[in-house]
Amino acid sequence: MENELPSIEETREPPDVLAPVERRGSALPLILTVVALVVWFAFQTFQMFVERNSLSELKTNLEAAMQEAQKMQIQLQTLIKQTVELANQGNAAAKTAVLELEKRGIPIKGPAPQPAK
């Protein structure tokens, strides 16, 4: 029986002879993932600060225009109010102007009624 293959029991080494298996590099993917996430969050934070500063500059630049628009709106409302008062007093041109403004969808508010005493 010299040509026979060794049995499974014969090919196994005793358990104390087996060397422990080292698992090197198993932390590398985790480390790379954590580093990539930190870099990504840092980049996103930087971008948000840049955009916040840009929006602050835009707001500052638009403040003057907004104040001017509000000033013109108040002037227009005053003009319309005075035109309505003239129309209520019987001025034909003011009546025509008020009718045209109403046709074009501009809200016309008459003078507020005086509270009764």
PDB file of N, CA and C in Angstrom:
ATOM      1  N   MET A   1       0.779  -1.169   0.000  1.00  0.00           N
ATOM      2  CA  MET A   1       0.000   0.000   0.000  1.00  0.00           C
ATOM      3  C   MET A   1       0.842   1.263   0.000  1.00  0.00           C
ATOM      4  N   GLU A   2       1.850   1.181  -0.654  1.00  0.00           N
ATOM      5  CA  GLU A   2       2.748   2.312  -0.715  1.00  0.00           C
ATOM      6  C   GLU A   2       2.237   3.401  -1.652  1.00  0.00           C
ATOM      7  N   ASN A   3       1.463   3.061  -2.622  1.00  0.00           N
ATOM      8  CA  ASN A   3       0.964   4.025  -3.582  1.00  0.00           C
ATOM      9  C   ASN A   3      -0.334   4.713  -3.132  1.00  0.00           C
ATOM     10  N   GLU A   4      -0.776   4.392  -2.014  1.00  0.00           N
ATOM     11  CA  GLU A   4      -2.019   4.990  -1.544  1.00  0.00           C
ATOM     12  C   GLU A   4      -1.806   6.432  -1.124  1.00  0.00           C
ATOM     13  N   LEU A   5      -2.840   7.212  -1.300  1.00  0.00           N
ATOM     14  CA  LEU A   5      -2.815   8.595  -0.857  1.00  0.00           C
ATOM     15  C   LEU A   5      -2.980   8.648   0.651  1.00  0.00           C
ATOM     16  N   PRO A   6      -2.359   9.645   1.246  1.00  0.00           N
ATOM     17  CA  PRO A   6      -2.513   9.719   2.703  1.00  0.00           C
ATOM     18  C   PRO A   6      -3.951  10.110   3.049  1.00  0.00           C
ATOM     19  N   SER A   7      -4.399   9.631   4.158  1.00  0.00           N
ATOM     20  CA  SER A   7      -5.762   9.931   4.583  1.00  0.00           C
ATOM     21  C   SER A   7      -5.829  11.369   5.090  1.00  0.00           C
ATOM     22  N   ILE A   8      -7.058  11.860   5.251  1.00  0.00           N
ATOM     23  CA  ILE A   8      -7.269  13.235   5.674  1.00  0.00           C
ATOM     24  C   ILE A   8      -6.665  13.465   7.052  1.00  0.00           C
ATOM     25  N   GLU A   9      -6.792  12.502   7.920  1.00  0.00           N
ATOM     26  CA  GLU A   9      -6.255  12.634   9.257  1.00  0.00           C
ATOM     27  C   GLU A   9      -4.735  12.768   9.226  1.00  0.00           C
ATOM     28  N   GLU A  10      -4.117  12.098   8.276  1.00  0.00           N
ATOM     29  CA  GLU A  10      -2.664  12.137   8.190  1.00  0.00           C
ATOM     30  C   GLU A  10      -2.171  13.475   7.625  1.00  0.00           C
ATOM     31  N   THR A  11      -2.941  14.128   6.742  1.00  0.00           N
ATOM     32  CA  THR A  11      -2.491  15.376   6.132  1.00  0.00           C
ATOM     33  C   THR A  11      -2.697  16.576   7.041  1.00  0.00           C
ATOM     34  N   ARG A  12      -3.564  16.479   7.996  1.00  0.00           N
ATOM     35  CA  ARG A  12      -3.814  17.593   8.900  1.00  0.00           C
ATOM     36  C   ARG A  12      -2.645  17.747   9.857  1.00  0.00           C
ATOM     37  N   GLU A  13      -2.338  18.998  10.099  1.00  0.00           N
ATOM     38  CA  GLU A  13      -1.299  19.263  11.081  1.00  0.00           C
ATOM     39  C   GLU A  13      -1.978  19.452  12.421  1.00  0.00           C
ATOM     40  N   PRO A  14      -1.294  19.241  13.438  1.00  0.00           N
ATOM     41  CA  PRO A  14      -1.891  19.440  14.757  1.00  0.00           C
ATOM     42  C   PRO A  14      -2.234  20.923  14.955  1.00  0.00           C
ATOM     43  N   PRO A  15      -3.277  21.225  15.716  1.00  0.00           N
ATOM     44  CA  PRO A  15      -3.735  22.588  15.891  1.00  0.00           C
ATOM     45  C   PRO A  15      -2.674  23.514  16.481  1.00  0.00           C
ATOM     46  N   ASP A  16      -1.794  23.042  17.285  1.00  0.00           N
ATOM     47  CA  ASP A  16      -0.805  23.906  17.892  1.00  0.00           C
ATOM     48  C   ASP A  16       0.294  24.314  16.910  1.00  0.00           C
ATOM     49  N   VAL A  17       0.383  23.638  15.785  1.00  0.00           N
ATOM     50  CA  VAL A  17       1.398  23.934  14.801  1.00  0.00           C
ATOM     51  C   VAL A  17       0.940  25.056  13.860  1.00  0.00           C
ATOM     52  N   LEU A  18      -0.358  25.240  13.681  1.00  0.00           N
ATOM     53  CA  LEU A  18      -0.871  26.261  12.776  1.00  0.00           C
ATOM     54  C   LEU A  18      -0.508  27.657  13.291  1.00  0.00           C
ATOM     55  N   ALA A  19      -0.021  28.490  12.388  1.00  0.00           N
ATOM     56  CA  ALA A  19       0.341  29.854  12.758  1.00  0.00           C
ATOM     57  C   ALA A  19      -0.913  30.727  12.705  1.00  0.00           C
ATOM     58  N   PRO A  20      -1.030  31.700  13.601  1.00  0.00           N
ATOM     59  CA  PRO A  20      -2.206  32.576  13.554  1.00  0.00           C
ATOM     60  C   PRO A  20      -2.174  33.422  12.281  1.00  0.00           C
ATOM     61  N   VAL A  21      -3.345  33.607  11.722  1.00  0.00           N
ATOM     62  CA  VAL A  21      -3.461  34.365  10.480  1.00  0.00           C
ATOM     63  C   VAL A  21      -3.504  35.853  10.830  1.00  0.00           C
ATOM     64  N   GLU A  22      -2.607  36.633  10.240  1.00  0.00           N
ATOM     65  CA  GLU A  22      -2.612  38.071  10.463  1.00  0.00           C
ATOM     66  C   GLU A  22      -3.494  38.729   9.415  1.00  0.00           C
ATOM     67  N   ARG A  23      -4.323  39.647   9.859  1.00  0.00           N
ATOM     68  CA  ARG A  23      -5.217  40.356   8.938  1.00  0.00           C
ATOM     69  C   ARG A  23      -4.709  41.777   8.823  1.00  0.00           C
ATOM     70  N   ARG A  24      -3.754  41.984   7.992  1.00  0.00           N
ATOM     71  CA  ARG A  24      -3.200  43.311   7.790  1.00  0.00           C
ATOM     72  C   ARG A  24      -4.021  44.059   6.755  1.00  0.00           C
ATOM     73  N   GLY A  25      -4.120  45.345   6.946  1.00  0.00           N
ATOM     74  CA  GLY A  25      -4.804  46.176   5.970  1.00  0.00           C
ATOM     75  C   GLY A  25      -6.309  46.195   6.123  1.00  0.00           C
ATOM     76  N   SER A  26      -6.837  45.521   7.096  1.00  0.00           N
ATOM     77  CA  SER A  26      -8.293  45.522   7.249  1.00  0.00           C
ATOM     78  C   SER A  26      -8.795  46.876   7.732  1.00  0.00           C
ATOM     79  N   ALA A  27      -7.965  47.677   8.381  1.00  0.00           N
ATOM     80  CA  ALA A  27      -8.374  48.994   8.850  1.00  0.00           C
ATOM     81  C   ALA A  27      -8.191  50.059   7.761  1.00  0.00           C
ATOM     82  N   LEU A  28      -7.455  49.749   6.732  1.00  0.00           N
ATOM     83  CA  LEU A  28      -7.174  50.725   5.682  1.00  0.00           C
ATOM     84  C   LEU A  28      -8.437  51.245   4.990  1.00  0.00           C
ATOM     85  N   PRO A  29      -9.371  50.407   4.581  1.00  0.00           N
ATOM     86  CA  PRO A  29     -10.587  50.950   3.962  1.00  0.00           C
ATOM     87  C   PRO A  29     -11.381  51.861   4.909  1.00  0.00           C
ATOM     88  N   LEU A  30     -11.431  51.487   6.172  1.00  0.00           N
ATOM     89  CA  LEU A  30     -12.129  52.307   7.157  1.00  0.00           C
ATOM     90  C   LEU A  30     -11.436  53.653   7.322  1.00  0.00           C
ATOM     91  N   ILE A  31     -10.123  53.639   7.413  1.00  0.00           N
ATOM     92  CA  ILE A  31      -9.367  54.882   7.554  1.00  0.00           C
ATOM     93  C   ILE A  31      -9.560  55.765   6.330  1.00  0.00           C
ATOM     94  N   LEU A  32      -9.496  55.179   5.138  1.00  0.00           N
ATOM     95  CA  LEU A  32      -9.692  55.955   3.913  1.00  0.00           C
ATOM     96  C   LEU A  32     -11.099  56.555   3.847  1.00  0.00           C
ATOM     97  N   THR A  33     -12.077  55.788   4.264  1.00  0.00           N
ATOM     98  CA  THR A  33     -13.452  56.280   4.262  1.00  0.00           C
ATOM     99  C   THR A  33     -13.616  57.444   5.233  1.00  0.00           C
ATOM    100  N   VAL A  34     -13.072  57.321   6.419  1.00  0.00           N
ATOM    101  CA  VAL A  34     -13.181  58.389   7.419  1.00  0.00           C
ATOM    102  C   VAL A  34     -12.455  59.640   6.933  1.00  0.00           C
ATOM    103  N   VAL A  35     -11.263  59.471   6.369  1.00  0.00           N
ATOM    104  CA  VAL A  35     -10.514  60.622   5.857  1.00  0.00           C
ATOM    105  C   VAL A  35     -11.287  61.296   4.718  1.00  0.00           C
ATOM    106  N   ALA A  36     -11.861  60.499   3.821  1.00  0.00           N
ATOM    107  CA  ALA A  36     -12.638  61.067   2.709  1.00  0.00           C
ATOM    108  C   ALA A  36     -13.844  61.837   3.233  1.00  0.00           C
ATOM    109  N   LEU A  37     -14.524  61.310   4.231  1.00  0.00           N
ATOM    110  CA  LEU A  37     -15.676  62.009   4.810  1.00  0.00           C
ATOM    111  C   LEU A  37     -15.259  63.314   5.477  1.00  0.00           C
ATOM    112  N   VAL A  38     -14.154  63.297   6.208  1.00  0.00           N
ATOM    113  CA  VAL A  38     -13.689  64.521   6.865  1.00  0.00           C
ATOM    114  C   VAL A  38     -13.332  65.574   5.820  1.00  0.00           C
ATOM    115  N   VAL A  39     -12.643  65.169   4.759  1.00  0.00           N
ATOM    116  CA  VAL A  39     -12.282  66.100   3.696  1.00  0.00           C
ATOM    117  C   VAL A  39     -13.546  66.638   3.025  1.00  0.00           C
ATOM    118  N   TRP A  40     -14.520  65.780   2.756  1.00  0.00           N
ATOM    119  CA  TRP A  40     -15.765  66.202   2.113  1.00  0.00           C
ATOM    120  C   TRP A  40     -16.513  67.212   2.980  1.00  0.00           C
ATOM    121  N   PHE A  41     -16.638  66.915   4.289  1.00  0.00           N
ATOM    122  CA  PHE A  41     -17.341  67.834   5.180  1.00  0.00           C
ATOM    123  C   PHE A  41     -16.594  69.162   5.304  1.00  0.00           C
ATOM    124  N   ALA A  42     -15.278  69.122   5.320  1.00  0.00           N
ATOM    125  CA  ALA A  42     -14.499  70.353   5.381  1.00  0.00           C
ATOM    126  C   ALA A  42     -14.722  71.184   4.116  1.00  0.00           C
ATOM    127  N   PHE A  43     -14.729  70.534   2.975  1.00  0.00           N
ATOM    128  CA  PHE A  43     -14.968  71.229   1.714  1.00  0.00           C
ATOM    129  C   PHE A  43     -16.358  71.851   1.693  1.00  0.00           C
ATOM    130  N   GLN A  44     -17.370  71.097   2.105  1.00  0.00           N
ATOM    131  CA  GLN A  44     -18.737  71.602   2.119  1.00  0.00           C
ATOM    132  C   GLN A  44     -18.879  72.784   3.076  1.00  0.00           C
ATOM    133  N   THR A  45     -18.223  72.708   4.233  1.00  0.00           N
ATOM    134  CA  THR A  45     -18.268  73.803   5.192  1.00  0.00           C
ATOM    135  C   THR A  45     -17.630  75.053   4.605  1.00  0.00           C
ATOM    136  N   PHE A  46     -16.501  74.897   3.968  1.00  0.00           N
ATOM    137  CA  PHE A  46     -15.826  76.020   3.330  1.00  0.00           C
ATOM    138  C   PHE A  46     -16.713  76.645   2.256  1.00  0.00           C
ATOM    139  N   GLN A  47     -17.335  75.811   1.433  1.00  0.00           N
ATOM    140  CA  GLN A  47     -18.215  76.312   0.377  1.00  0.00           C
ATOM    141  C   GLN A  47     -19.399  77.079   0.968  1.00  0.00           C
ATOM    142  N   MET A  48     -19.961  76.575   2.062  1.00  0.00           N
ATOM    143  CA  MET A  48     -21.090  77.273   2.680  1.00  0.00           C
ATOM    144  C   MET A  48     -20.662  78.639   3.197  1.00  0.00           C
ATOM    145  N   PHE A  49     -19.476  78.742   3.779  1.00  0.00           N
ATOM    146  CA  PHE A  49     -19.002  80.037   4.249  1.00  0.00           C
ATOM    147  C   PHE A  49     -18.785  80.997   3.086  1.00  0.00           C
ATOM    148  N   VAL A  50     -18.244  80.499   1.989  1.00  0.00           N
ATOM    149  CA  VAL A  50     -18.028  81.343   0.814  1.00  0.00           C
ATOM    150  C   VAL A  50     -19.364  81.843   0.277  1.00  0.00           C
ATOM    151  N   GLU A  51     -20.342  80.967   0.154  1.00  0.00           N
ATOM    152  CA  GLU A  51     -21.651  81.369  -0.354  1.00  0.00           C
ATOM    153  C   GLU A  51     -22.366  82.307   0.613  1.00  0.00           C
ATOM    154  N   ARG A  52     -22.182  82.088   1.908  1.00  0.00           N
ATOM    155  CA  ARG A  52     -22.798  82.982   2.892  1.00  0.00           C
ATOM    156  C   ARG A  52     -22.227  84.388   2.748  1.00  0.00           C
ATOM    157  N   ASN A  53     -20.919  84.485   2.576  1.00  0.00           N
ATOM    158  CA  ASN A  53     -20.304  85.795   2.390  1.00  0.00           C
ATOM    159  C   ASN A  53     -20.795  86.455   1.098  1.00  0.00           C
ATOM    160  N   SER A  54     -20.954  85.669   0.048  1.00  0.00           N
ATOM    161  CA  SER A  54     -21.456  86.213  -1.216  1.00  0.00           C
ATOM    162  C   SER A  54     -22.879  86.736  -1.051  1.00  0.00           C
ATOM    163  N   LEU A  55     -23.705  85.980  -0.350  1.00  0.00           N
ATOM    164  CA  LEU A  55     -25.086  86.422  -0.123  1.00  0.00           C
ATOM    165  C   LEU A  55     -25.134  87.675   0.750  1.00  0.00           C
ATOM    166  N   SER A  56     -24.247  87.764   1.723  1.00  0.00           N
ATOM    167  CA  SER A  56     -24.197  88.973   2.558  1.00  0.00           C
ATOM    168  C   SER A  56     -23.823  90.190   1.724  1.00  0.00           C
ATOM    169  N   GLU A  57     -22.864  90.022   0.820  1.00  0.00           N
ATOM    170  CA  GLU A  57     -22.473  91.126  -0.057  1.00  0.00           C
ATOM    171  C   GLU A  57     -23.631  91.528  -0.967  1.00  0.00           C
ATOM    172  N   LEU A  58     -24.342  90.538  -1.511  1.00  0.00           N
ATOM    173  CA  LEU A  58     -25.494  90.845  -2.364  1.00  0.00           C
ATOM    174  C   LEU A  58     -26.564  91.605  -1.589  1.00  0.00           C
ATOM    175  N   LYS A  59     -26.827  91.159  -0.384  1.00  0.00           N
ATOM    176  CA  LYS A  59     -27.840  91.837   0.433  1.00  0.00           C
ATOM    177  C   LYS A  59     -27.420  93.275   0.699  1.00  0.00           C
ATOM    178  N   THR A  60     -26.149  93.479   1.011  1.00  0.00           N
ATOM    179  CA  THR A  60     -25.652  94.833   1.269  1.00  0.00           C
ATOM    180  C   THR A  60     -25.790  95.699   0.024  1.00  0.00           C
ATOM    181  N   ASN A  61     -25.475  95.128  -1.137  1.00  0.00           N
ATOM    182  CA  ASN A  61     -25.572  95.891  -2.384  1.00  0.00           C
ATOM    183  C   ASN A  61     -27.021  96.216  -2.744  1.00  0.00           C
ATOM    184  N   LEU A  62     -27.958  95.372  -2.350  1.00  0.00           N
ATOM    185  CA  LEU A  62     -29.363  95.595  -2.697  1.00  0.00           C
ATOM    186  C   LEU A  62     -30.103  96.464  -1.686  1.00  0.00           C
ATOM    187  N   GLU A  63     -29.504  96.712  -0.529  1.00  0.00           N
ATOM    188  CA  GLU A  63     -30.179  97.523   0.490  1.00  0.00           C
ATOM    189  C   GLU A  63     -30.534  98.911  -0.044  1.00  0.00           C
ATOM    190  N   ALA A  64     -29.592  99.556  -0.725  1.00  0.00           N
ATOM    191  CA  ALA A  64     -29.858 100.905  -1.244  1.00  0.00           C
ATOM    192  C   ALA A  64     -30.990 100.874  -2.269  1.00  0.00           C
ATOM    193  N   ALA A  65     -30.980  99.877  -3.130  1.00  0.00           N
ATOM    194  CA  ALA A  65     -32.041  99.768  -4.137  1.00  0.00           C
ATOM    195  C   ALA A  65     -33.396  99.505  -3.477  1.00  0.00           C
ATOM    196  N   MET A  66     -33.415  98.675  -2.436  1.00  0.00           N
ATOM    197  CA  MET A  66     -34.675  98.397  -1.736  1.00  0.00           C
ATOM    198  C   MET A  66     -35.207  99.656  -1.051  1.00  0.00           C
ATOM    199  N   GLN A  67     -34.331 100.422  -0.434  1.00  0.00           N
ATOM    200  CA  GLN A  67     -34.776 101.649   0.217  1.00  0.00           C
ATOM    201  C   GLN A  67     -35.312 102.646  -0.798  1.00  0.00           C
ATOM    202  N   GLU A  68     -34.661 102.730  -1.937  1.00  0.00           N
ATOM    203  CA  GLU A  68     -35.123 103.639  -2.998  1.00  0.00           C
ATOM    204  C   GLU A  68     -36.480 103.180  -3.536  1.00  0.00           C
ATOM    205  N   ALA A  69     -36.655 101.866  -3.704  1.00  0.00           N
ATOM    206  CA  ALA A  69     -37.933 101.346  -4.191  1.00  0.00           C
ATOM    207  C   ALA A  69     -39.048 101.621  -3.189  1.00  0.00           C
ATOM    208  N   GLN A  70     -38.764 101.451  -1.907  1.00  0.00           N
ATOM    209  CA  GLN A  70     -39.769 101.728  -0.885  1.00  0.00           C
ATOM    210  C   GLN A  70     -40.131 103.219  -0.866  1.00  0.00           C
ATOM    211  N   LYS A  71     -39.125 104.063  -1.048  1.00  0.00           N
ATOM    212  CA  LYS A  71     -39.367 105.507  -1.089  1.00  0.00           C
ATOM    213  C   LYS A  71     -40.271 105.860  -2.270  1.00  0.00           C
ATOM    214  N   MET A  72     -39.993 105.278  -3.439  1.00  0.00           N
ATOM    215  CA  MET A  72     -40.818 105.546  -4.623  1.00  0.00           C
ATOM    216  C   MET A  72     -42.225 105.000  -4.447  1.00  0.00           C
ATOM    217  N   GLN A  73     -42.362 103.847  -3.783  1.00  0.00           N
ATOM    218  CA  GLN A  73     -43.687 103.277  -3.560  1.00  0.00           C
ATOM    219  C   GLN A  73     -44.506 104.194  -2.655  1.00  0.00           C
ATOM    220  N   ILE A  74     -43.888 104.730  -1.636  1.00  0.00           N
ATOM    221  CA  ILE A  74     -44.599 105.668  -0.745  1.00  0.00           C
ATOM    222  C   ILE A  74     -45.018 106.910  -1.519  1.00  0.00           C
ATOM    223  N   GLN A  75     -44.135 107.419  -2.380  1.00  0.00           N
ATOM    224  CA  GLN A  75     -44.469 108.590  -3.185  1.00  0.00           C
ATOM    225  C   GLN A  75     -45.635 108.290  -4.124  1.00  0.00           C
ATOM    226  N   LEU A  76     -45.621 107.111  -4.734  1.00  0.00           N
ATOM    227  CA  LEU A  76     -46.707 106.731  -5.650  1.00  0.00           C
ATOM    228  C   LEU A  76     -48.025 106.596  -4.895  1.00  0.00           C
ATOM    229  N   GLN A  77     -47.984 105.988  -3.721  1.00  0.00           N
ATOM    230  CA  GLN A  77     -49.206 105.862  -2.931  1.00  0.00           C
ATOM    231  C   GLN A  77     -49.751 107.229  -2.524  1.00  0.00           C
ATOM    232  N   THR A  78     -48.854 108.148  -2.184  1.00  0.00           N
ATOM    233  CA  THR A  78     -49.280 109.504  -1.831  1.00  0.00           C
ATOM    234  C   THR A  78     -49.913 110.194  -3.031  1.00  0.00           C
ATOM    235  N   LEU A  79     -49.307 110.029  -4.193  1.00  0.00           N
ATOM    236  CA  LEU A  79     -49.839 110.634  -5.418  1.00  0.00           C
ATOM    237  C   LEU A  79     -51.223 110.072  -5.749  1.00  0.00           C
ATOM    238  N   ILE A  80     -51.375 108.777  -5.625  1.00  0.00           N
ATOM    239  CA  ILE A  80     -52.682 108.155  -5.904  1.00  0.00           C
ATOM    240  C   ILE A  80     -53.720 108.650  -4.889  1.00  0.00           C
ATOM    241  N   LYS A  81     -53.316 108.725  -3.632  1.00  0.00           N
ATOM    242  CA  LYS A  81     -54.249 109.196  -2.598  1.00  0.00           C
ATOM    243  C   LYS A  81     -54.712 110.628  -2.883  1.00  0.00           C
ATOM    244  N   GLN A  82     -53.782 111.476  -3.295  1.00  0.00           N
ATOM    245  CA  GLN A  82     -54.145 112.865  -3.607  1.00  0.00           C
ATOM    246  C   GLN A  82     -55.015 112.942  -4.860  1.00  0.00           C
ATOM    247  N   THR A  83     -54.757 112.062  -5.830  1.00  0.00           N
ATOM    248  CA  THR A  83     -55.578 112.035  -7.042  1.00  0.00           C
ATOM    249  C   THR A  83     -57.000 111.595  -6.701  1.00  0.00           C
ATOM    250  N   VAL A  84     -57.138 110.631  -5.816  1.00  0.00           N
ATOM    251  CA  VAL A  84     -58.471 110.174  -5.393  1.00  0.00           C
ATOM    252  C   VAL A  84     -59.198 111.303  -4.673  1.00  0.00           C
ATOM    253  N   GLU A  85     -58.481 112.029  -3.848  1.00  0.00           N
ATOM    254  CA  GLU A  85     -59.107 113.161  -3.151  1.00  0.00           C
ATOM    255  C   GLU A  85     -59.605 114.209  -4.152  1.00  0.00           C
ATOM    256  N   LEU A  86     -58.791 114.489  -5.178  1.00  0.00           N
ATOM    257  CA  LEU A  86     -59.230 115.439  -6.210  1.00  0.00           C
ATOM    258  C   LEU A  86     -60.457 114.913  -6.956  1.00  0.00           C
ATOM    259  N   ALA A  87     -60.463 113.622  -7.249  1.00  0.00           N
ATOM    260  CA  ALA A  87     -61.608 113.032  -7.958  1.00  0.00           C
ATOM    261  C   ALA A  87     -62.861 113.128  -7.104  1.00  0.00           C
ATOM    262  N   ASN A  88     -62.726 112.926  -5.806  1.00  0.00           N
ATOM    263  CA  ASN A  88     -63.875 113.031  -4.902  1.00  0.00           C
ATOM    264  C   ASN A  88     -64.381 114.479  -4.794  1.00  0.00           C
ATOM    265  N   GLN A  89     -63.498 115.444  -5.060  1.00  0.00           N
ATOM    266  CA  GLN A  89     -63.887 116.859  -5.016  1.00  0.00           C
ATOM    267  C   GLN A  89     -64.522 117.310  -6.322  1.00  0.00           C
ATOM    268  N   GLY A  90     -64.493 116.439  -7.346  1.00  0.00           N
ATOM    269  CA  GLY A  90     -65.174 116.758  -8.591  1.00  0.00           C
ATOM    270  C   GLY A  90     -64.256 117.049  -9.761  1.00  0.00           C
ATOM    271  N   ASN A  91     -62.980 116.925  -9.655  1.00  0.00           N
ATOM    272  CA  ASN A  91     -62.049 117.185 -10.751  1.00  0.00           C
ATOM    273  C   ASN A  91     -62.217 116.098 -11.807  1.00  0.00           C
ATOM    274  N   ALA A  92     -62.560 116.499 -13.048  1.00  0.00           N
ATOM    275  CA  ALA A  92     -62.837 115.539 -14.126  1.00  0.00           C
ATOM    276  C   ALA A  92     -61.577 114.779 -14.540  1.00  0.00           C
ATOM    277  N   ALA A  93     -60.444 115.461 -14.631  1.00  0.00           N
ATOM    278  CA  ALA A  93     -59.198 114.797 -15.033  1.00  0.00           C
ATOM    279  C   ALA A  93     -58.779 113.769 -13.985  1.00  0.00           C
ATOM    280  N   ALA A  94     -58.959 114.084 -12.714  1.00  0.00           N
ATOM    281  CA  ALA A  94     -58.612 113.151 -11.639  1.00  0.00           C
ATOM    282  C   ALA A  94     -59.530 111.935 -11.677  1.00  0.00           C
ATOM    283  N   LYS A  95     -60.822 112.148 -11.979  1.00  0.00           N
ATOM    284  CA  LYS A  95     -61.763 111.027 -12.083  1.00  0.00           C
ATOM    285  C   LYS A  95     -61.343 110.086 -13.209  1.00  0.00           C
ATOM    286  N   THR A  96     -60.954 110.686 -14.347  1.00  0.00           N
ATOM    287  CA  THR A  96     -60.507 109.872 -15.484  1.00  0.00           C
ATOM    288  C   THR A  96     -59.252 109.088 -15.117  1.00  0.00           C
ATOM    289  N   ALA A  97     -58.328 109.727 -14.420  1.00  0.00           N
ATOM    290  CA  ALA A  97     -57.094 109.052 -14.028  1.00  0.00           C
ATOM    291  C   ALA A  97     -57.383 107.896 -13.080  1.00  0.00           C
ATOM    292  N   VAL A  98     -58.280 108.112 -12.117  1.00  0.00           N
ATOM    293  CA  VAL A  98     -58.639 107.060 -11.162  1.00  0.00           C
ATOM    294  C   VAL A  98     -59.295 105.892 -11.884  1.00  0.00           C
ATOM    295  N   LEU A  99     -60.201 106.185 -12.839  1.00  0.00           N
ATOM    296  CA  LEU A  99     -60.854 105.106 -13.599  1.00  0.00           C
ATOM    297  C   LEU A  99     -59.840 104.304 -14.408  1.00  0.00           C
ATOM    298  N   GLU A 100     -58.885 104.987 -15.023  1.00  0.00           N
ATOM    299  CA  GLU A 100     -57.856 104.291 -15.805  1.00  0.00           C
ATOM    300  C   GLU A 100     -56.969 103.426 -14.904  1.00  0.00           C
ATOM    301  N   LEU A 101     -56.632 103.942 -13.747  1.00  0.00           N
ATOM    302  CA  LEU A 101     -55.816 103.148 -12.814  1.00  0.00           C
ATOM    303  C   LEU A 101     -56.572 101.901 -12.361  1.00  0.00           C
ATOM    304  N   GLU A 102     -57.860 102.042 -12.106  1.00  0.00           N
ATOM    305  CA  GLU A 102     -58.667 100.887 -11.695  1.00  0.00           C
ATOM    306  C   GLU A 102     -58.773  99.866 -12.818  1.00  0.00           C
ATOM    307  N   LYS A 103     -58.897 100.348 -14.080  1.00  0.00           N
ATOM    308  CA  LYS A 103     -58.968  99.432 -15.222  1.00  0.00           C
ATOM    309  C   LYS A 103     -57.686  98.613 -15.354  1.00  0.00           C
ATOM    310  N   ARG A 104     -56.556  99.226 -15.029  1.00  0.00           N
ATOM    311  CA  ARG A 104     -55.255  98.560 -15.169  1.00  0.00           C
ATOM    312  C   ARG A 104     -54.887  97.701 -13.955  1.00  0.00           C
ATOM    313  N   GLY A 105     -55.787  97.651 -12.995  1.00  0.00           N
ATOM    314  CA  GLY A 105     -55.573  96.751 -11.867  1.00  0.00           C
ATOM    315  C   GLY A 105     -54.799  97.343 -10.708  1.00  0.00           C
ATOM    316  N   ILE A 106     -54.606  98.638 -10.698  1.00  0.00           N
ATOM    317  CA  ILE A 106     -53.908  99.272  -9.582  1.00  0.00           C
ATOM    318  C   ILE A 106     -54.934  99.530  -8.490  1.00  0.00           C
ATOM    319  N   PRO A 107     -54.714  98.990  -7.307  1.00  0.00           N
ATOM    320  CA  PRO A 107     -55.713  99.158  -6.252  1.00  0.00           C
ATOM    321  C   PRO A 107     -55.789 100.603  -5.788  1.00  0.00           C
ATOM    322  N   ILE A 108     -56.999 101.140  -5.808  1.00  0.00           N
ATOM    323  CA  ILE A 108     -57.252 102.517  -5.398  1.00  0.00           C
ATOM    324  C   ILE A 108     -58.049 102.470  -4.116  1.00  0.00           C
ATOM    325  N   LYS A 109     -57.492 103.069  -3.107  1.00  0.00           N
ATOM    326  CA  LYS A 109     -58.214 103.158  -1.833  1.00  0.00           C
ATOM    327  C   LYS A 109     -58.629 104.601  -1.631  1.00  0.00           C
ATOM    328  N   GLY A 110     -59.873 104.774  -1.420  1.00  0.00           N
ATOM    329  CA  GLY A 110     -60.378 106.126  -1.175  1.00  0.00           C
ATOM    330  C   GLY A 110     -59.928 106.594   0.191  1.00  0.00           C
ATOM    331  N   PRO A 111     -60.153 107.864   0.491  1.00  0.00           N
ATOM    332  CA  PRO A 111     -59.777 108.346   1.820  1.00  0.00           C
ATOM    333  C   PRO A 111     -60.565 107.615   2.885  1.00  0.00           C
ATOM    334  N   ALA A 112     -59.891 107.363   3.974  1.00  0.00           N
ATOM    335  CA  ALA A 112     -60.536 106.617   5.061  1.00  0.00           C
ATOM    336  C   ALA A 112     -61.659 107.442   5.656  1.00  0.00           C
ATOM    337  N   PRO A 113     -62.819 106.838   5.876  1.00  0.00           N
ATOM    338  CA  PRO A 113     -63.924 107.591   6.454  1.00  0.00           C
ATOM    339  C   PRO A 113     -63.587 108.033   7.881  1.00  0.00           C
ATOM    340  N   GLN A 114     -64.073 109.212   8.224  1.00  0.00           N
ATOM    341  CA  GLN A 114     -63.818 109.737   9.557  1.00  0.00           C
ATOM    342  C   GLN A 114     -64.692 108.975  10.550  1.00  0.00           C
ATOM    343  N   PRO A 115     -64.121 108.574  11.683  1.00  0.00           N
ATOM    344  CA  PRO A 115     -64.933 107.859  12.674  1.00  0.00           C
ATOM    345  C   PRO A 115     -66.000 108.781  13.273  1.00  0.00           C
ATOM    346  N   ALA A 116     -67.175 108.228  13.472  1.00  0.00           N
ATOM    347  CA  ALA A 116     -68.298 109.009  14.022  1.00  0.00           C
ATOM    348  C   ALA A 116     -68.079 109.226  15.508  1.00  0.00           C
ATOM    349  N   LYS A 117     -68.394 110.467  15.938  1.00  0.00           N
ATOM    350  CA  LYS A 117     -68.217 110.775  17.367  1.00  0.00           C
ATOM    351  C   LYS A 117     -69.536 110.833  18.076  1.00  0.00           C
TER     352      LYS A 117
END
